[in-house]
Amino acid sequence: MCPDKERPAENTAVLSRDLTQYGRISARQNRACPCQLMVRTKVNSNEEKNHPMHIYLQGLTMGLAYVAPIGLQNLFVINSALTQRRSRVYLTALIVIFWDISLGVSCFLGAGALMQAVPWLQKVILAVGSLIVIWIGIGLLRSKASLEGGRDVNVPVWKLITSAFVVTWLNPQAIIDGTMMLGAFRATLPAGTDVPFICGFGSASVIWFLTVSTLVSLLGSKFNEKVLNVINKVCGAVIIFYGLKLLYSFVKMMGWL
């Protein structure tokens, strides 16, 4: 038999054998044990949780739940929207947004500086902060919103700025709650994710106050105390959820689970 005719058959046989062997090796490599699959799934899950967009959305939802409950700031913005022209309404909202974000950033950075200077304080802030967050949520569920406060909105711009500053920065309860809450959240954030979180938190203030100003200005008297009570109840439930989440993080940090 001619050798030239035998070579294609031999080459075909070798190629078939190599492909079969490669297939077996690939099958072994793809056959992972359950433990390996669990580890891969856990790593992928952690990567998703640490993604900047996930952290941003966490800050955004927490910020909305924190800023939306009806307090003096919201009453000031709402009453402005009910009684003032549109340009004055948005000016009031922007002033309140500025002071609100400045307070949030200060509380966040201040709590972070304290935890870096005194490492064991991280656990204390996380524990106490989670309980305060839960207590704030319970208070919102039990509260009744009213439109009686914040009616003095027809004032000069300089007085509007100082009034918004007093309501925001000279409120000891707001400073304590903000520091403990944001400090507790910072204690649970992965390294390098502070900026996405605080950007999300600040975005919540912009979105909320501008949206409220627009809706109240358009709806007028339809925006009543019943609507405010619904807002408070929803925000209270969200804040309690985050408080429980923080408390769970503290329990895990202490190694009790």
C-alpha atoms as a PDB file:
ATOM      1  CA  MET A   1       0.000   0.000   0.000  1.00  0.00           C
ATOM      2  CA  CYS A   2       1.281   3.481  -0.833  1.00  0.00           C
ATOM      3  CA  PRO A   3       2.635   5.401   2.253  1.00  0.00           C
ATOM      4  CA  ASP A   4       1.221   8.666   0.950  1.00  0.00           C
ATOM      5  CA  LYS A   5      -2.277   7.247   1.216  1.00  0.00           C
ATOM      6  CA  GLU A   6      -1.728   5.957   4.767  1.00  0.00           C
ATOM      7  CA  ARG A   7      -0.655   9.310   6.221  1.00  0.00           C
ATOM      8  CA  PRO A   8      -4.076  11.032   6.117  1.00  0.00           C
ATOM      9  CA  ALA A   9      -5.632   8.088   7.961  1.00  0.00           C
ATOM     10  CA  GLU A  10      -2.884   8.143  10.606  1.00  0.00           C
ATOM     11  CA  ASN A  11      -3.212  11.918  11.041  1.00  0.00           C
ATOM     12  CA  THR A  12      -6.969  11.587  11.422  1.00  0.00           C
ATOM     13  CA  ALA A  13      -6.558   8.923  14.106  1.00  0.00           C
ATOM     14  CA  VAL A  14      -4.041  11.013  16.055  1.00  0.00           C
ATOM     15  CA  LEU A  15      -6.254  14.095  15.836  1.00  0.00           C
ATOM     16  CA  SER A  16      -9.277  12.114  17.033  1.00  0.00           C
ATOM     17  CA  ARG A  17      -7.296  10.700  19.980  1.00  0.00           C
ATOM     18  CA  ASP A  18      -6.038  14.174  20.960  1.00  0.00           C
ATOM     19  CA  LEU A  19      -9.537  15.636  20.831  1.00  0.00           C
ATOM     20  CA  THR A  20     -10.896  12.829  23.002  1.00  0.00           C
ATOM     21  CA  GLN A  21      -8.137  13.329  25.570  1.00  0.00           C
ATOM     22  CA  TYR A  22      -8.703  17.110  25.570  1.00  0.00           C
ATOM     23  CA  GLY A  23     -12.415  16.566  26.104  1.00  0.00           C
ATOM     24  CA  ARG A  24     -11.748  14.351  29.130  1.00  0.00           C
ATOM     25  CA  ILE A  25      -9.392  16.922  30.656  1.00  0.00           C
ATOM     26  CA  SER A  26     -11.889  19.734  30.069  1.00  0.00           C
ATOM     27  CA  ALA A  27     -14.657  17.685  31.643  1.00  0.00           C
ATOM     28  CA  ARG A  28     -12.506  17.085  34.755  1.00  0.00           C
ATOM     29  CA  GLN A  29     -11.668  20.787  35.013  1.00  0.00           C
ATOM     30  CA  ASN A  30     -15.312  21.814  34.676  1.00  0.00           C
ATOM     31  CA  ARG A  31     -16.390  19.248  37.246  1.00  0.00           C
ATOM     32  CA  ALA A  32     -16.086  21.337  40.437  1.00  0.00           C
ATOM     33  CA  CYS A  33     -17.010  20.112  43.878  1.00  0.00           C
ATOM     34  CA  PRO A  34     -19.910  21.828  45.731  1.00  0.00           C
ATOM     35  CA  CYS A  35     -17.481  23.587  48.075  1.00  0.00           C
ATOM     36  CA  GLN A  36     -15.661  25.218  45.160  1.00  0.00           C
ATOM     37  CA  LEU A  37     -18.965  26.326  43.642  1.00  0.00           C
ATOM     38  CA  MET A  38     -20.063  27.830  46.979  1.00  0.00           C
ATOM     39  CA  VAL A  39     -16.783  29.737  47.302  1.00  0.00           C
ATOM     40  CA  ARG A  40     -17.085  31.093  43.753  1.00  0.00           C
ATOM     41  CA  THR A  41     -20.699  32.145  44.380  1.00  0.00           C
ATOM     42  CA  LYS A  42     -19.761  33.854  47.642  1.00  0.00           C
ATOM     43  CA  VAL A  43     -16.878  35.737  46.006  1.00  0.00           C
ATOM     44  CA  ASN A  44     -19.131  36.913  43.171  1.00  0.00           C
ATOM     45  CA  SER A  45     -21.796  37.991  45.688  1.00  0.00           C
ATOM     46  CA  ASN A  46     -19.240  39.995  47.710  1.00  0.00           C
ATOM     47  CA  GLU A  47     -17.930  41.647  44.543  1.00  0.00           C
ATOM     48  CA  GLU A  48     -21.474  42.741  43.649  1.00  0.00           C
ATOM     49  CA  LYS A  49     -22.084  44.121  47.151  1.00  0.00           C
ATOM     50  CA  ASN A  50     -18.790  46.062  47.056  1.00  0.00           C
ATOM     51  CA  HIS A  51     -19.494  47.530  43.606  1.00  0.00           C
ATOM     52  CA  PRO A  52     -19.561  51.375  43.725  1.00  0.00           C
ATOM     53  CA  MET A  53     -23.054  51.496  42.192  1.00  0.00           C
ATOM     54  CA  HIS A  54     -24.393  49.126  44.865  1.00  0.00           C
ATOM     55  CA  ILE A  55     -22.845  51.288  47.602  1.00  0.00           C
ATOM     56  CA  TYR A  56     -24.214  54.447  45.938  1.00  0.00           C
ATOM     57  CA  LEU A  57     -27.746  53.014  45.844  1.00  0.00           C
ATOM     58  CA  GLN A  58     -27.421  51.981  49.489  1.00  0.00           C
ATOM     59  CA  GLY A  59     -26.485  55.559  50.410  1.00  0.00           C
ATOM     60  CA  LEU A  60     -29.315  56.882  48.241  1.00  0.00           C
ATOM     61  CA  THR A  61     -32.035  54.725  49.815  1.00  0.00           C
ATOM     62  CA  MET A  62     -30.775  55.381  53.334  1.00  0.00           C
ATOM     63  CA  GLY A  63     -30.565  59.105  52.584  1.00  0.00           C
ATOM     64  CA  LEU A  64     -34.132  59.203  51.253  1.00  0.00           C
ATOM     65  CA  ALA A  65     -35.439  57.349  54.292  1.00  0.00           C
ATOM     66  CA  TYR A  66     -33.567  59.754  56.578  1.00  0.00           C
ATOM     67  CA  VAL A  67     -34.467  63.057  54.888  1.00  0.00           C
ATOM     68  CA  ALA A  68     -38.058  62.311  53.864  1.00  0.00           C
ATOM     69  CA  PRO A  69     -39.713  62.182  57.325  1.00  0.00           C
ATOM     70  CA  ILE A  70     -41.519  65.448  57.960  1.00  0.00           C
ATOM     71  CA  GLY A  71     -39.468  67.689  60.226  1.00  0.00           C
ATOM     72  CA  LEU A  72     -38.787  71.432  60.326  1.00  0.00           C
ATOM     73  CA  GLN A  73     -36.724  71.325  57.130  1.00  0.00           C
ATOM     74  CA  ASN A  74     -39.491  69.633  55.165  1.00  0.00           C
ATOM     75  CA  LEU A  75     -42.155  71.897  56.649  1.00  0.00           C
ATOM     76  CA  PHE A  76     -40.127  74.944  55.638  1.00  0.00           C
ATOM     77  CA  VAL A  77     -39.869  73.673  52.044  1.00  0.00           C
ATOM     78  CA  ILE A  78     -43.525  72.555  51.890  1.00  0.00           C
ATOM     79  CA  ASN A  79     -44.942  75.830  53.211  1.00  0.00           C
ATOM     80  CA  SER A  80     -42.728  77.747  50.808  1.00  0.00           C
ATOM     81  CA  ALA A  81     -44.128  75.675  47.928  1.00  0.00           C
ATOM     82  CA  LEU A  82     -47.681  76.362  49.119  1.00  0.00           C
ATOM     83  CA  THR A  83     -47.337  80.144  49.443  1.00  0.00           C
ATOM     84  CA  GLN A  84     -44.444  81.429  47.321  1.00  0.00           C
ATOM     85  CA  ARG A  85     -43.745  81.864  43.610  1.00  0.00           C
ATOM     86  CA  ARG A  86     -41.852  79.081  41.825  1.00  0.00           C
ATOM     87  CA  SER A  87     -38.430  80.805  41.792  1.00  0.00           C
ATOM     88  CA  ARG A  88     -38.589  81.407  45.555  1.00  0.00           C
ATOM     89  CA  VAL A  89     -39.690  77.812  46.138  1.00  0.00           C
ATOM     90  CA  TYR A  90     -36.593  76.389  44.418  1.00  0.00           C
ATOM     91  CA  LEU A  91     -34.304  78.909  46.108  1.00  0.00           C
ATOM     92  CA  THR A  92     -35.606  77.736  49.482  1.00  0.00           C
ATOM     93  CA  ALA A  93     -35.103  74.106  48.470  1.00  0.00           C
ATOM     94  CA  LEU A  94     -31.500  74.714  47.314  1.00  0.00           C
ATOM     95  CA  ILE A  95     -30.616  76.505  50.568  1.00  0.00           C
ATOM     96  CA  VAL A  96     -32.022  73.642  52.640  1.00  0.00           C
ATOM     97  CA  ILE A  97     -30.206  71.097  50.414  1.00  0.00           C
ATOM     98  CA  PHE A  98     -26.885  72.890  50.939  1.00  0.00           C
ATOM     99  CA  TRP A  99     -27.131  72.882  54.730  1.00  0.00           C
ATOM    100  CA  ASP A 100     -28.475  69.332  54.824  1.00  0.00           C
ATOM    101  CA  ILE A 101     -25.635  67.900  52.697  1.00  0.00           C
ATOM    102  CA  SER A 102     -23.004  69.880  54.608  1.00  0.00           C
ATOM    103  CA  LEU A 103     -24.279  68.436  57.887  1.00  0.00           C
ATOM    104  CA  GLY A 104     -24.373  64.892  56.475  1.00  0.00           C
ATOM    105  CA  VAL A 105     -20.812  65.083  55.125  1.00  0.00           C
ATOM    106  CA  SER A 106     -19.551  66.559  58.419  1.00  0.00           C
ATOM    107  CA  CYS A 107     -21.215  63.814  60.467  1.00  0.00           C
ATOM    108  CA  PHE A 108     -19.854  61.129  58.128  1.00  0.00           C
ATOM    109  CA  LEU A 109     -16.266  62.444  58.108  1.00  0.00           C
ATOM    110  CA  GLY A 110     -16.317  63.294  61.807  1.00  0.00           C
ATOM    111  CA  ALA A 111     -17.442  59.809  62.793  1.00  0.00           C
ATOM    112  CA  GLY A 112     -14.846  58.327  60.437  1.00  0.00           C
ATOM    113  CA  ALA A 113     -12.045  60.394  61.983  1.00  0.00           C
ATOM    114  CA  LEU A 114     -13.088  59.296  65.471  1.00  0.00           C
ATOM    115  CA  MET A 115     -13.105  55.620  64.488  1.00  0.00           C
ATOM    116  CA  GLN A 116      -9.648  55.924  62.901  1.00  0.00           C
ATOM    117  CA  ALA A 117      -8.244  57.642  65.991  1.00  0.00           C
ATOM    118  CA  VAL A 118      -9.888  55.192  68.423  1.00  0.00           C
ATOM    119  CA  PRO A 119     -10.342  51.780  66.689  1.00  0.00           C
ATOM    120  CA  TRP A 120     -12.470  50.190  69.438  1.00  0.00           C
ATOM    121  CA  LEU A 121     -14.938  53.066  69.050  1.00  0.00           C
ATOM    122  CA  GLN A 122     -16.050  51.508  65.746  1.00  0.00           C
ATOM    123  CA  LYS A 123     -17.841  48.716  67.603  1.00  0.00           C
ATOM    124  CA  VAL A 124     -19.419  51.150  70.074  1.00  0.00           C
ATOM    125  CA  ILE A 125     -20.702  53.450  67.305  1.00  0.00           C
ATOM    126  CA  LEU A 126     -22.009  50.487  65.318  1.00  0.00           C
ATOM    127  CA  ALA A 127     -23.870  49.058  68.323  1.00  0.00           C
ATOM    128  CA  VAL A 128     -25.289  52.340  69.654  1.00  0.00           C
ATOM    129  CA  GLY A 129     -25.893  53.716  66.160  1.00  0.00           C
ATOM    130  CA  SER A 130     -27.935  50.685  65.092  1.00  0.00           C
ATOM    131  CA  LEU A 131     -30.154  51.019  68.177  1.00  0.00           C
ATOM    132  CA  ILE A 132     -30.622  54.768  67.563  1.00  0.00           C
ATOM    133  CA  VAL A 133     -31.555  54.123  63.925  1.00  0.00           C
ATOM    134  CA  ILE A 134     -34.156  51.541  65.017  1.00  0.00           C
ATOM    135  CA  TRP A 135     -35.499  53.982  67.624  1.00  0.00           C
ATOM    136  CA  ILE A 136     -35.803  56.752  65.003  1.00  0.00           C
ATOM    137  CA  GLY A 137     -37.784  54.370  62.788  1.00  0.00           C
ATOM    138  CA  ILE A 138     -40.120  53.361  65.612  1.00  0.00           C
ATOM    139  CA  GLY A 139     -40.675  57.039  66.452  1.00  0.00           C
ATOM    140  CA  LEU A 140     -41.670  57.747  62.853  1.00  0.00           C
ATOM    141  CA  LEU A 141     -44.170  54.876  62.854  1.00  0.00           C
ATOM    142  CA  ARG A 142     -45.790  56.296  65.985  1.00  0.00           C
ATOM    143  CA  SER A 143     -45.667  59.984  65.013  1.00  0.00           C
ATOM    144  CA  LYS A 144     -48.378  62.136  63.440  1.00  0.00           C
ATOM    145  CA  ALA A 145     -47.269  64.671  60.843  1.00  0.00           C
ATOM    146  CA  SER A 146     -48.586  68.229  60.943  1.00  0.00           C
ATOM    147  CA  LEU A 147     -48.323  71.284  58.702  1.00  0.00           C
ATOM    148  CA  GLU A 148     -48.432  73.709  61.624  1.00  0.00           C
ATOM    149  CA  GLY A 149     -44.664  74.390  61.789  1.00  0.00           C
ATOM    150  CA  GLY A 150     -42.405  76.297  59.414  1.00  0.00           C
ATOM    151  CA  ARG A 151     -44.984  78.797  58.189  1.00  0.00           C
ATOM    152  CA  ASP A 152     -42.719  81.850  58.314  1.00  0.00           C
ATOM    153  CA  VAL A 153     -41.291  81.551  54.801  1.00  0.00           C
ATOM    154  CA  ASN A 154     -42.010  85.058  53.442  1.00  0.00           C
ATOM    155  CA  VAL A 155     -38.717  86.525  54.709  1.00  0.00           C
ATOM    156  CA  PRO A 156     -35.622  88.136  53.121  1.00  0.00           C
ATOM    157  CA  VAL A 157     -33.095  85.789  51.526  1.00  0.00           C
ATOM    158  CA  TRP A 158     -30.434  86.353  54.214  1.00  0.00           C
ATOM    159  CA  LYS A 159     -32.958  85.438  56.910  1.00  0.00           C
ATOM    160  CA  LEU A 160     -34.014  82.405  54.888  1.00  0.00           C
ATOM    161  CA  ILE A 161     -30.381  81.237  54.808  1.00  0.00           C
ATOM    162  CA  THR A 162     -29.863  81.762  58.536  1.00  0.00           C
ATOM    163  CA  SER A 163     -33.196  80.127  59.414  1.00  0.00           C
ATOM    164  CA  ALA A 164     -32.333  77.037  57.379  1.00  0.00           C
ATOM    165  CA  PHE A 165     -28.908  76.949  59.067  1.00  0.00           C
ATOM    166  CA  VAL A 166     -30.446  77.149  62.540  1.00  0.00           C
ATOM    167  CA  VAL A 167     -32.981  74.397  61.789  1.00  0.00           C
ATOM    168  CA  THR A 168     -30.244  72.114  60.422  1.00  0.00           C
ATOM    169  CA  TRP A 169     -26.972  72.820  62.217  1.00  0.00           C
ATOM    170  CA  LEU A 170     -28.163  74.078  65.611  1.00  0.00           C
ATOM    171  CA  ASN A 171     -30.334  71.049  66.245  1.00  0.00           C
ATOM    172  CA  PRO A 172     -28.357  68.862  68.703  1.00  0.00           C
ATOM    173  CA  GLN A 173     -30.617  65.866  68.121  1.00  0.00           C
ATOM    174  CA  ALA A 174     -30.035  66.017  64.365  1.00  0.00           C
ATOM    175  CA  ILE A 175     -26.257  66.172  64.868  1.00  0.00           C
ATOM    176  CA  ILE A 176     -26.228  63.251  67.331  1.00  0.00           C
ATOM    177  CA  ASP A 177     -28.548  61.098  65.212  1.00  0.00           C
ATOM    178  CA  GLY A 178     -26.680  61.915  62.009  1.00  0.00           C
ATOM    179  CA  THR A 179     -23.262  61.187  63.514  1.00  0.00           C
ATOM    180  CA  MET A 180     -24.296  57.886  65.073  1.00  0.00           C
ATOM    181  CA  MET A 181     -26.265  56.723  62.048  1.00  0.00           C
ATOM    182  CA  LEU A 182     -23.667  57.640  59.429  1.00  0.00           C
ATOM    183  CA  GLY A 183     -20.884  56.467  61.719  1.00  0.00           C
ATOM    184  CA  ALA A 184     -22.581  53.090  62.063  1.00  0.00           C
ATOM    185  CA  PHE A 185     -22.887  52.812  58.282  1.00  0.00           C
ATOM    186  CA  ARG A 186     -19.272  53.841  57.744  1.00  0.00           C
ATOM    187  CA  ALA A 187     -18.164  51.079  60.098  1.00  0.00           C
ATOM    188  CA  THR A 188     -19.736  48.505  57.746  1.00  0.00           C
ATOM    189  CA  LEU A 189     -18.537  49.966  54.419  1.00  0.00           C
ATOM    190  CA  PRO A 190     -15.759  48.161  52.506  1.00  0.00           C
ATOM    191  CA  ALA A 191     -12.489  50.073  52.106  1.00  0.00           C
ATOM    192  CA  GLY A 192     -12.551  52.708  49.370  1.00  0.00           C
ATOM    193  CA  THR A 193     -16.355  52.987  49.135  1.00  0.00           C
ATOM    194  CA  ASP A 194     -16.859  56.101  51.286  1.00  0.00           C
ATOM    195  CA  VAL A 195     -17.256  58.421  48.287  1.00  0.00           C
ATOM    196  CA  PRO A 196     -20.020  56.422  46.504  1.00  0.00           C
ATOM    197  CA  PHE A 197     -21.968  56.123  49.758  1.00  0.00           C
ATOM    198  CA  ILE A 198     -21.845  59.797  50.717  1.00  0.00           C
ATOM    199  CA  CYS A 199     -22.603  60.789  47.092  1.00  0.00           C
ATOM    200  CA  GLY A 200     -25.709  58.609  47.248  1.00  0.00           C
ATOM    201  CA  PHE A 201     -26.644  60.120  50.601  1.00  0.00           C
ATOM    202  CA  GLY A 202     -26.215  63.651  49.245  1.00  0.00           C
ATOM    203  CA  SER A 203     -28.141  62.824  46.065  1.00  0.00           C
ATOM    204  CA  ALA A 204     -31.089  61.814  48.233  1.00  0.00           C
ATOM    205  CA  SER A 205     -31.294  65.332  49.665  1.00  0.00           C
ATOM    206  CA  VAL A 206     -31.231  66.912  46.188  1.00  0.00           C
ATOM    207  CA  ILE A 207     -33.819  64.505  44.764  1.00  0.00           C
ATOM    208  CA  TRP A 208     -36.152  64.720  47.745  1.00  0.00           C
ATOM    209  CA  PHE A 209     -36.331  68.476  48.342  1.00  0.00           C
ATOM    210  CA  LEU A 210     -36.577  69.372  44.650  1.00  0.00           C
ATOM    211  CA  THR A 211     -39.261  66.701  44.110  1.00  0.00           C
ATOM    212  CA  VAL A 212     -41.258  67.830  47.139  1.00  0.00           C
ATOM    213  CA  SER A 213     -41.014  71.468  46.045  1.00  0.00           C
ATOM    214  CA  THR A 214     -42.283  70.618  42.569  1.00  0.00           C
ATOM    215  CA  LEU A 215     -45.099  68.297  43.671  1.00  0.00           C
ATOM    216  CA  VAL A 216     -46.424  70.569  46.414  1.00  0.00           C
ATOM    217  CA  SER A 217     -46.247  73.568  44.100  1.00  0.00           C
ATOM    218  CA  LEU A 218     -48.282  71.676  41.482  1.00  0.00           C
ATOM    219  CA  LEU A 219     -50.724  69.838  43.764  1.00  0.00           C
ATOM    220  CA  GLY A 220     -51.287  72.617  46.274  1.00  0.00           C
ATOM    221  CA  SER A 221     -53.863  71.750  48.945  1.00  0.00           C
ATOM    222  CA  LYS A 222     -54.007  68.078  47.873  1.00  0.00           C
ATOM    223  CA  PHE A 223     -50.663  67.628  49.625  1.00  0.00           C
ATOM    224  CA  ASN A 224     -52.181  67.278  53.096  1.00  0.00           C
ATOM    225  CA  GLU A 225     -51.323  65.774  56.476  1.00  0.00           C
ATOM    226  CA  LYS A 226     -52.626  62.349  55.444  1.00  0.00           C
ATOM    227  CA  VAL A 227     -49.981  62.190  52.701  1.00  0.00           C
ATOM    228  CA  LEU A 228     -47.306  63.306  55.170  1.00  0.00           C
ATOM    229  CA  ASN A 229     -48.287  60.559  57.593  1.00  0.00           C
ATOM    230  CA  VAL A 230     -47.973  57.923  54.858  1.00  0.00           C
ATOM    231  CA  ILE A 231     -44.485  59.251  54.022  1.00  0.00           C
ATOM    232  CA  ASN A 232     -43.476  59.048  57.675  1.00  0.00           C
ATOM    233  CA  LYS A 233     -44.709  55.454  58.036  1.00  0.00           C
ATOM    234  CA  VAL A 234     -42.890  54.256  54.904  1.00  0.00           C
ATOM    235  CA  CYS A 235     -39.675  55.994  55.943  1.00  0.00           C
ATOM    236  CA  GLY A 236     -39.976  54.579  59.460  1.00  0.00           C
ATOM    237  CA  ALA A 237     -40.201  51.029  58.101  1.00  0.00           C
ATOM    238  CA  VAL A 238     -37.171  51.549  55.824  1.00  0.00           C
ATOM    239  CA  ILE A 239     -35.104  53.044  58.654  1.00  0.00           C
ATOM    240  CA  ILE A 240     -35.978  50.151  60.993  1.00  0.00           C
ATOM    241  CA  PHE A 241     -34.871  47.702  58.276  1.00  0.00           C
ATOM    242  CA  TYR A 242     -31.491  49.434  57.971  1.00  0.00           C
ATOM    243  CA  GLY A 243     -31.151  49.604  61.755  1.00  0.00           C
ATOM    244  CA  LEU A 244     -31.671  45.843  62.017  1.00  0.00           C
ATOM    245  CA  LYS A 245     -29.143  45.362  59.216  1.00  0.00           C
ATOM    246  CA  LEU A 246     -26.585  47.434  61.145  1.00  0.00           C
ATOM    247  CA  LEU A 247     -27.304  45.480  64.330  1.00  0.00           C
ATOM    248  CA  TYR A 248     -26.725  42.228  62.422  1.00  0.00           C
ATOM    249  CA  SER A 249     -23.372  43.597  61.177  1.00  0.00           C
ATOM    250  CA  PHE A 250     -22.391  44.387  64.773  1.00  0.00           C
ATOM    251  CA  VAL A 251     -23.278  40.855  65.916  1.00  0.00           C
ATOM    252  CA  LYS A 252     -21.158  39.406  63.095  1.00  0.00           C
ATOM    253  CA  MET A 253     -18.266  41.772  63.907  1.00  0.00           C
ATOM    254  CA  MET A 254     -18.290  40.549  67.511  1.00  0.00           C
ATOM    255  CA  GLY A 255     -18.191  36.931  66.299  1.00  0.00           C
ATOM    256  CA  TRP A 256     -21.475  35.998  67.965  1.00  0.00           C
ATOM    257  CA  LEU A 257     -22.750  34.365  64.743  1.00  0.00           C
END
